[in-house]
Amino acid sequence: MPYYLYILRCGDGTLYTGIATDVDKRLAVHQSGKGAKYTRGRGPLTVVYREECGDKSAALKRELAVKALSREEKLALIGGRFT
């Protein structure tokens, strides 16, 4: 089962980066308030980017790399559609 890197746009305009094997299922967990502490109370949440990474190790490495990007670099990665 492949892992995916995903980026969520929170209702307050911030971006959240994570990994999952099923992005839609993980989004539902975030929306229920049982996901990451950061996303609680920041709805509505929208998946704005997903990237297949292969295995968990590759996904974790990619997640670290993306989390190190500036906001502007993340916006460029997702196509700059969300400011």
Protein backbone atom coordinates (compact mmCIF):
# COMPACT_ATOMS: atom_id res chain seq x y z
CA MET A 1 0.00 0.00 0.00
CA PRO A 2 1.54 3.33 -1.04
CA TYR A 3 1.90 6.29 1.28
CA TYR A 4 0.99 9.82 0.29
CA LEU A 5 2.19 13.22 1.38
CA TYR A 6 -0.72 15.64 1.66
CA ILE A 7 -1.19 19.33 2.37
CA LEU A 8 -4.38 20.69 3.91
CA ARG A 9 -5.57 24.26 3.70
CA CYS A 10 -7.15 25.19 7.02
CA GLY A 11 -10.04 27.61 7.40
CA ASP A 12 -7.68 30.26 8.79
CA GLY A 13 -5.53 30.07 5.63
CA THR A 14 -2.67 28.11 7.16
CA LEU A 15 -1.25 24.95 5.63
CA TYR A 16 -0.80 21.58 7.33
CA THR A 17 1.43 18.82 5.95
CA GLY A 18 1.10 15.12 6.80
CA ILE A 19 1.32 11.58 5.42
CA ALA A 20 -1.27 8.82 5.10
CA THR A 21 -2.10 5.68 3.17
CA ASP A 22 -5.63 6.99 2.51
CA VAL A 23 -5.75 10.79 2.31
CA ASP A 24 -9.55 11.03 2.18
CA LYS A 25 -9.93 8.84 5.27
CA ARG A 26 -7.25 10.88 7.08
CA LEU A 27 -9.05 14.10 6.13
CA ALA A 28 -12.22 12.72 7.74
CA VAL A 29 -10.25 12.02 10.93
CA HIS A 30 -8.92 15.60 10.92
CA GLN A 31 -12.42 16.96 10.33
CA SER A 32 -13.80 14.94 13.23
CA GLY A 33 -11.35 16.68 15.58
CA LYS A 34 -9.39 13.50 16.24
CA GLY A 35 -6.52 14.22 13.84
CA ALA A 36 -3.50 16.35 14.53
CA LYS A 37 -3.79 18.83 17.37
CA TYR A 38 -2.86 21.62 14.94
CA THR A 39 -5.93 21.10 12.76
CA ARG A 40 -8.46 21.04 15.61
CA GLY A 41 -10.67 24.09 15.46
CA ARG A 42 -9.12 25.29 12.19
CA GLY A 43 -11.82 24.03 9.83
CA PRO A 44 -12.99 23.84 7.22
CA LEU A 45 -10.12 21.69 5.99
CA THR A 46 -9.43 21.09 2.30
CA VAL A 47 -6.88 18.81 0.66
CA VAL A 48 -4.94 21.06 -1.72
CA TYR A 49 -2.07 18.72 -2.59
CA ARG A 50 -1.28 15.02 -2.56
CA GLU A 51 1.80 13.21 -3.79
CA GLU A 52 2.42 9.47 -3.92
CA CYS A 53 5.66 8.65 -2.11
CA GLY A 54 5.86 4.87 -2.26
CA ASP A 55 6.65 3.48 1.17
CA LYS A 56 6.42 4.98 4.65
CA SER A 57 10.13 5.79 4.83
CA ALA A 58 10.01 7.78 1.60
CA ALA A 59 6.86 9.58 2.75
CA LEU A 60 8.42 10.56 6.08
CA LYS A 61 11.51 11.93 4.32
CA ARG A 62 9.38 13.89 1.87
CA GLU A 63 7.24 15.23 4.74
CA LEU A 64 10.34 16.55 6.51
CA ALA A 65 11.53 18.19 3.30
CA VAL A 66 8.17 19.87 2.65
CA LYS A 67 7.79 21.01 6.25
CA ALA A 68 11.17 22.75 5.90
CA LEU A 69 9.85 24.84 2.98
CA SER A 70 8.69 28.41 3.48
CA ARG A 71 5.01 29.23 2.99
CA GLU A 72 5.82 30.76 -0.39
CA GLU A 73 7.62 27.58 -1.47
CA LYS A 74 4.69 25.44 -0.33
CA LEU A 75 2.29 27.66 -2.29
CA ALA A 76 4.49 27.23 -5.36
CA LEU A 77 4.42 23.44 -4.82
CA ILE A 78 0.62 23.37 -4.73
CA GLY A 79 0.34 25.74 -7.67
CA GLY A 80 -0.03 29.03 -5.79
CA ARG A 81 -3.82 28.79 -5.89
CA PHE A 82 -4.25 29.36 -2.17
CA THR A 83 -3.04 32.50 -0.44
